Amino acid sequence: MRHTKTILFALIGLLLSSHAQAALSVVVSIKPVHSLVGAIMTGVGEPSLIVKGSRSPHNHSLKPSDARTLSRADVIIWMGPGMEMFLQKAINALSKRPKVITLLEAKSGDPHLWLSPQRATSMVERIASTLEKTDPAHADIYKRNASALKDRLRALQAYGMGKLTPVAQKPFLVFHDAWSHFAQSFSLSIVGTVALDPERPAGAKQISTIRRLIKESGARCLFREPQFQSPLLASILENNKDMRVYELDPLGALYKPGPALYFQMMETNIEAVASCLK
């Protein structure tokens, strides 16, 4: 009987220990960042994602299920008010106070930092460091995963430079101002954006300005985005039959969420630019 009780207490102790080291509840706003966080958390747990499918964070509305997910979070990771405006009030209204990692405090400028492998590396370092401090029981796993992830990001940077250096001086246009970090990372030459605000239709003056910019720059390549279906593109292309139109995706709309998404998205974008500008 005493032996049975000893075994029972040992099992209870193991269960309690397992519960004490349970994975954090980590919630991430958008798919590319969720992918990086998922890679860091491999072997510990899986983060939850707020903006799913092909939705854009620019026009996303928080669902009741999203609010419940946020309410249970130990850690919330988002870019910041310049990207996911819909999240700011929701985070401030939480009764439970999770650890919030805001990756970009500025409300202006291009918030798409993850489109640069170098900036993504800095994001990984900050996220991993916070998770290590918040969840010390799994710190070694976070540290090891982050190190492997940074190696992959360095390889991605080298891959992109190999593909894009031959076309680095060729001008092109993007749909909206989401690609400055990508262009800077690979020394590319963006000469303009089609939509000053992707949520608003362009007027005749803007269309005229873009057509003049295409003529003056000699750009022969324009990139649309899957998150925005704009009739503006047809208007611009009406008298520019030589313009090549390819797609760049800043959010990984067509990919399944998970650690592989970030690299699938980035490699596809690199290939698209290389193909369009060749």
Protein backbone atom coordinates (compact mmCIF):
# COMPACT_ATOMS: atom_id res chain seq x y z
CA MET A 1 0.00 0.00 0.00
CA ARG A 2 2.82 2.36 0.93
CA HIS A 3 4.49 1.56 -2.42
CA THR A 4 1.25 2.37 -4.27
CA LYS A 5 0.96 5.74 -2.49
CA THR A 6 4.57 6.54 -3.37
CA ILE A 7 3.87 5.88 -7.05
CA LEU A 8 0.66 7.94 -6.87
CA PHE A 9 2.45 10.93 -5.32
CA ALA A 10 5.23 10.64 -7.91
CA LEU A 11 2.67 10.73 -10.74
CA ILE A 12 0.93 13.75 -9.19
CA GLY A 13 4.30 15.46 -8.92
CA LEU A 14 5.04 14.80 -12.57
CA LEU A 15 1.65 16.16 -13.61
CA LEU A 16 2.13 19.30 -11.53
CA SER A 17 5.61 19.76 -12.95
CA SER A 18 4.30 19.33 -16.49
CA HIS A 19 1.53 21.84 -15.81
CA ALA A 20 4.03 24.31 -14.34
CA GLN A 21 6.10 24.11 -17.53
CA ALA A 22 3.15 24.27 -19.93
CA ALA A 23 3.63 26.39 -23.02
CA LEU A 24 2.82 30.06 -22.90
CA SER A 25 -0.32 31.27 -24.64
CA VAL A 26 1.24 33.46 -27.33
CA VAL A 27 -0.95 35.46 -29.73
CA VAL A 28 0.47 37.04 -32.91
CA SER A 29 -1.26 39.57 -35.14
CA ILE A 30 -0.20 38.78 -38.73
CA LYS A 31 1.00 35.74 -40.69
CA PRO A 32 4.67 36.63 -41.42
CA VAL A 33 5.39 37.49 -37.79
CA HIS A 34 3.37 34.47 -36.65
CA SER A 35 5.61 32.33 -38.86
CA LEU A 36 8.79 33.65 -37.23
CA VAL A 37 7.32 33.23 -33.74
CA GLY A 38 6.21 29.70 -34.62
CA ALA A 39 9.78 28.83 -35.61
CA ILE A 40 11.10 30.19 -32.31
CA MET A 41 8.48 28.21 -30.35
CA THR A 42 8.99 24.88 -32.16
CA GLY A 43 9.12 22.12 -29.57
CA VAL A 44 7.34 24.25 -26.95
CA GLY A 45 3.97 25.22 -28.42
CA GLU A 46 2.18 26.95 -31.29
CA PRO A 47 1.23 30.63 -31.27
CA SER A 48 -2.31 31.75 -32.13
CA LEU A 49 -2.96 33.96 -35.16
CA ILE A 50 -5.40 36.88 -35.37
CA VAL A 51 -5.44 37.99 -39.05
CA LYS A 52 -6.04 34.80 -41.02
CA GLY A 53 -6.40 33.93 -44.70
CA SER A 54 -5.83 36.69 -47.25
CA ARG A 55 -7.18 39.49 -45.07
CA SER A 56 -5.23 42.71 -44.71
CA PRO A 57 -4.52 44.15 -41.24
CA HIS A 58 -5.33 47.58 -42.67
CA ASN A 59 -9.06 46.79 -42.81
CA HIS A 60 -9.41 43.89 -40.38
CA SER A 61 -12.21 43.88 -37.81
CA LEU A 62 -11.72 42.05 -34.55
CA LYS A 63 -14.09 39.08 -34.16
CA PRO A 64 -15.50 37.83 -30.81
CA SER A 65 -13.30 34.72 -31.16
CA ASP A 66 -10.26 36.99 -31.60
CA ALA A 67 -11.21 38.89 -28.45
CA ARG A 68 -11.43 35.62 -26.50
CA THR A 69 -8.03 34.54 -27.79
CA LEU A 70 -6.50 37.85 -26.73
CA SER A 71 -8.13 37.62 -23.29
CA ARG A 72 -6.31 34.32 -22.61
CA ALA A 73 -2.91 35.45 -23.88
CA ASP A 74 0.24 35.47 -21.78
CA VAL A 75 2.14 37.24 -24.58
CA ILE A 76 0.81 39.35 -27.48
CA ILE A 77 3.12 40.13 -30.39
CA TRP A 78 2.16 42.76 -32.96
CA MET A 79 3.94 45.23 -35.22
CA GLY A 80 2.28 48.27 -33.68
CA PRO A 81 -0.29 51.03 -34.27
CA GLY A 82 1.16 51.84 -37.68
CA MET A 83 0.09 48.42 -38.97
CA GLU A 84 -2.71 46.82 -36.90
CA MET A 85 -4.73 49.82 -35.74
CA PHE A 86 -7.66 47.56 -34.85
CA LEU A 87 -5.62 45.91 -32.08
CA GLN A 88 -4.66 48.94 -30.01
CA LYS A 89 -7.99 49.46 -28.23
CA ALA A 90 -8.44 45.71 -27.77
CA ILE A 91 -5.06 45.36 -26.06
CA ASN A 92 -5.67 48.39 -23.83
CA ALA A 93 -9.08 47.01 -22.80
CA LEU A 94 -7.80 43.61 -21.59
CA SER A 95 -8.46 42.93 -17.90
CA LYS A 96 -5.59 40.44 -17.79
CA ARG A 97 -2.26 42.15 -18.38
CA PRO A 98 -0.22 40.05 -20.84
CA LYS A 99 3.32 40.81 -21.93
CA VAL A 100 2.97 42.89 -25.09
CA ILE A 101 5.78 42.98 -27.65
CA THR A 102 5.35 46.00 -29.93
CA LEU A 103 7.89 45.56 -32.72
CA LEU A 104 7.50 49.08 -34.13
CA GLU A 105 6.41 52.02 -32.01
CA ALA A 106 6.27 54.59 -34.84
CA LYS A 107 2.86 55.29 -36.36
CA SER A 108 4.26 56.69 -39.62
CA GLY A 109 6.57 55.31 -42.26
CA ASP A 110 6.65 51.82 -43.72
CA PRO A 111 5.83 49.28 -40.97
CA HIS A 112 6.58 46.18 -43.10
CA LEU A 113 9.91 45.52 -41.40
CA TRP A 114 9.74 41.73 -41.85
CA LEU A 115 10.23 42.10 -45.63
CA SER A 116 13.92 42.71 -44.93
CA PRO A 117 15.78 39.58 -43.71
CA GLN A 118 18.12 41.81 -41.69
CA ARG A 119 15.26 43.54 -39.90
CA ALA A 120 13.50 40.20 -39.45
CA THR A 121 16.67 39.00 -37.68
CA SER A 122 16.42 41.89 -35.21
CA MET A 123 12.75 41.02 -34.65
CA VAL A 124 13.66 37.38 -33.95
CA GLU A 125 16.29 38.43 -31.41
CA ARG A 126 13.84 40.64 -29.54
CA ILE A 127 11.01 38.09 -29.56
CA ALA A 128 13.27 35.23 -28.46
CA SER A 129 14.80 37.30 -25.67
CA THR A 130 11.35 38.21 -24.31
CA LEU A 131 10.10 34.61 -24.48
CA GLU A 132 13.24 33.38 -22.69
CA LYS A 133 12.65 35.82 -19.83
CA THR A 134 8.90 35.20 -19.68
CA ASP A 135 9.21 31.40 -19.88
CA PRO A 136 12.63 30.47 -18.41
CA ALA A 137 11.70 26.77 -18.26
CA HIS A 138 11.97 26.67 -22.06
CA ALA A 139 14.66 29.33 -22.51
CA ASP A 140 17.21 26.92 -23.99
CA ILE A 141 14.75 25.82 -26.68
CA TYR A 142 13.88 29.39 -27.63
CA LYS A 143 17.56 30.31 -27.79
CA ARG A 144 18.46 27.29 -29.93
CA ASN A 145 15.53 27.82 -32.31
CA ALA A 146 16.29 31.53 -32.68
CA SER A 147 19.91 30.76 -33.55
CA ALA A 148 18.83 28.32 -36.29
CA LEU A 149 16.27 30.82 -37.57
CA LYS A 150 18.86 33.58 -37.83
CA ASP A 151 21.08 31.24 -39.85
CA ARG A 152 18.17 30.69 -42.26
CA LEU A 153 17.59 34.45 -42.52
CA ARG A 154 21.24 35.02 -43.39
CA ALA A 155 20.96 32.35 -46.08
CA LEU A 156 17.77 34.04 -47.38
CA GLN A 157 19.57 37.38 -47.61
CA ALA A 158 22.39 35.76 -49.60
CA TYR A 159 19.88 34.01 -51.87
CA GLY A 160 18.04 37.28 -52.53
CA MET A 161 21.24 39.16 -53.31
CA GLY A 162 22.27 36.46 -55.76
CA LYS A 163 18.91 36.69 -57.57
CA LEU A 164 18.39 40.44 -57.46
CA THR A 165 21.81 42.07 -57.77
CA PRO A 166 21.77 41.67 -61.59
CA VAL A 167 18.53 43.72 -61.80
CA ALA A 168 19.17 46.12 -58.92
CA GLN A 169 19.30 49.26 -61.08
CA LYS A 170 16.11 48.61 -63.04
CA PRO A 171 13.18 50.86 -61.97
CA PHE A 172 9.77 49.50 -61.02
CA LEU A 173 6.53 50.47 -59.28
CA VAL A 174 4.73 48.83 -56.37
CA PHE A 175 1.07 48.96 -55.46
CA HIS A 176 1.49 50.66 -52.09
CA ASP A 177 4.26 51.75 -49.77
CA ALA A 178 5.02 48.33 -48.28
CA TRP A 179 8.32 47.53 -49.95
CA SER A 180 10.89 50.09 -48.85
CA HIS A 181 12.62 47.68 -46.43
CA PHE A 182 12.62 44.90 -49.04
CA ALA A 183 14.11 47.26 -51.62
CA GLN A 184 16.72 48.58 -49.21
CA SER A 185 17.71 45.06 -48.17
CA PHE A 186 18.41 44.03 -51.78
CA SER A 187 19.47 47.45 -53.19
CA LEU A 188 16.46 47.68 -55.52
CA SER A 189 15.12 50.77 -57.28
CA ILE A 190 11.46 51.52 -56.53
CA VAL A 191 10.49 54.70 -58.38
CA GLY A 192 6.93 55.06 -57.14
CA THR A 193 3.74 53.64 -55.65
CA VAL A 194 0.40 53.24 -57.39
CA ALA A 195 -1.86 53.82 -54.36
CA LEU A 196 -1.03 56.48 -51.78
CA ASP A 197 -3.69 54.90 -49.59
CA PRO A 198 -4.70 51.32 -50.52
CA GLU A 199 -8.11 51.81 -48.92
CA ARG A 200 -9.13 54.80 -51.06
CA PRO A 201 -9.75 55.09 -54.81
CA ALA A 202 -7.34 57.26 -56.78
CA GLY A 203 -8.44 60.38 -58.55
CA ALA A 204 -7.66 61.56 -62.08
CA LYS A 205 -4.74 63.66 -60.83
CA GLN A 206 -3.06 60.68 -59.21
CA ILE A 207 -3.54 58.52 -62.31
CA SER A 208 -1.99 61.26 -64.44
CA THR A 209 0.95 61.54 -62.03
CA ILE A 210 1.61 57.80 -62.15
CA ARG A 211 1.46 57.70 -65.95
CA ARG A 212 3.95 60.56 -66.13
CA LEU A 213 6.21 58.80 -63.62
CA ILE A 214 6.19 55.62 -65.71
CA LYS A 215 7.10 57.58 -68.84
CA GLU A 216 9.88 59.58 -67.18
CA SER A 217 11.44 56.69 -65.25
CA GLY A 218 11.27 54.14 -68.03
CA ALA A 219 9.78 51.60 -65.60
CA ARG A 220 8.40 48.53 -67.31
CA CYS A 221 7.38 46.51 -64.28
CA LEU A 222 4.52 47.02 -61.83
CA PHE A 223 3.62 44.84 -58.85
CA ARG A 224 0.07 44.33 -57.58
CA GLU A 225 -0.85 42.75 -54.22
CA PRO A 226 -3.39 39.97 -53.52
CA GLN A 227 -4.89 41.85 -50.56
CA PHE A 228 -6.14 44.70 -52.77
CA GLN A 229 -8.18 44.46 -55.95
CA SER A 230 -7.92 47.94 -57.40
CA PRO A 231 -9.49 49.19 -60.66
CA LEU A 232 -6.72 51.79 -60.61
CA LEU A 233 -4.32 49.30 -62.17
CA ALA A 234 -6.49 48.91 -65.28
CA SER A 235 -6.63 52.69 -65.69
CA ILE A 236 -2.86 53.00 -65.46
CA LEU A 237 -2.19 50.14 -67.85
CA GLU A 238 -4.69 51.35 -70.44
CA ASN A 239 -2.02 53.18 -72.44
CA ASN A 240 0.98 51.21 -71.20
CA LYS A 241 0.78 47.95 -73.08
CA ASP A 242 4.48 47.22 -72.53
CA MET A 243 4.16 47.27 -68.74
CA ARG A 244 4.70 43.88 -67.11
CA VAL A 245 2.49 43.13 -64.10
CA TYR A 246 3.55 40.63 -61.45
CA GLU A 247 2.36 40.01 -57.91
CA LEU A 248 4.16 40.69 -54.64
CA ASP A 249 2.62 39.51 -51.40
CA PRO A 250 3.74 41.18 -48.15
CA LEU A 251 1.59 38.94 -45.91
CA GLY A 252 1.78 35.39 -47.27
CA ALA A 253 -1.90 35.36 -48.20
CA LEU A 254 -1.86 32.06 -50.07
CA TYR A 255 0.29 30.07 -47.65
CA LYS A 256 -0.69 27.94 -44.70
CA PRO A 257 0.25 29.58 -41.39
CA GLY A 258 3.31 28.10 -39.74
CA PRO A 259 7.10 28.31 -39.54
CA ALA A 260 7.55 27.63 -43.28
CA LEU A 261 5.33 30.51 -44.44
CA TYR A 262 7.85 33.33 -44.03
CA PHE A 263 10.47 31.69 -46.23
CA GLN A 264 7.94 30.54 -48.84
CA MET A 265 6.59 34.09 -49.08
CA MET A 266 9.98 35.77 -49.26
CA GLU A 267 11.44 33.37 -51.83
CA THR A 268 8.35 33.79 -54.02
CA ASN A 269 8.63 37.59 -53.82
CA ILE A 270 12.32 37.47 -54.69
CA GLU A 271 11.59 35.24 -57.68
CA ALA A 272 8.78 37.56 -58.83
CA VAL A 273 11.02 40.63 -58.82
CA ALA A 274 13.85 38.79 -60.55
CA SER A 275 11.48 37.48 -63.25
CA CYS A 276 9.72 40.77 -63.89
CA LEU A 277 12.91 42.85 -64.12
CA LYS A 278 15.07 40.44 -66.11
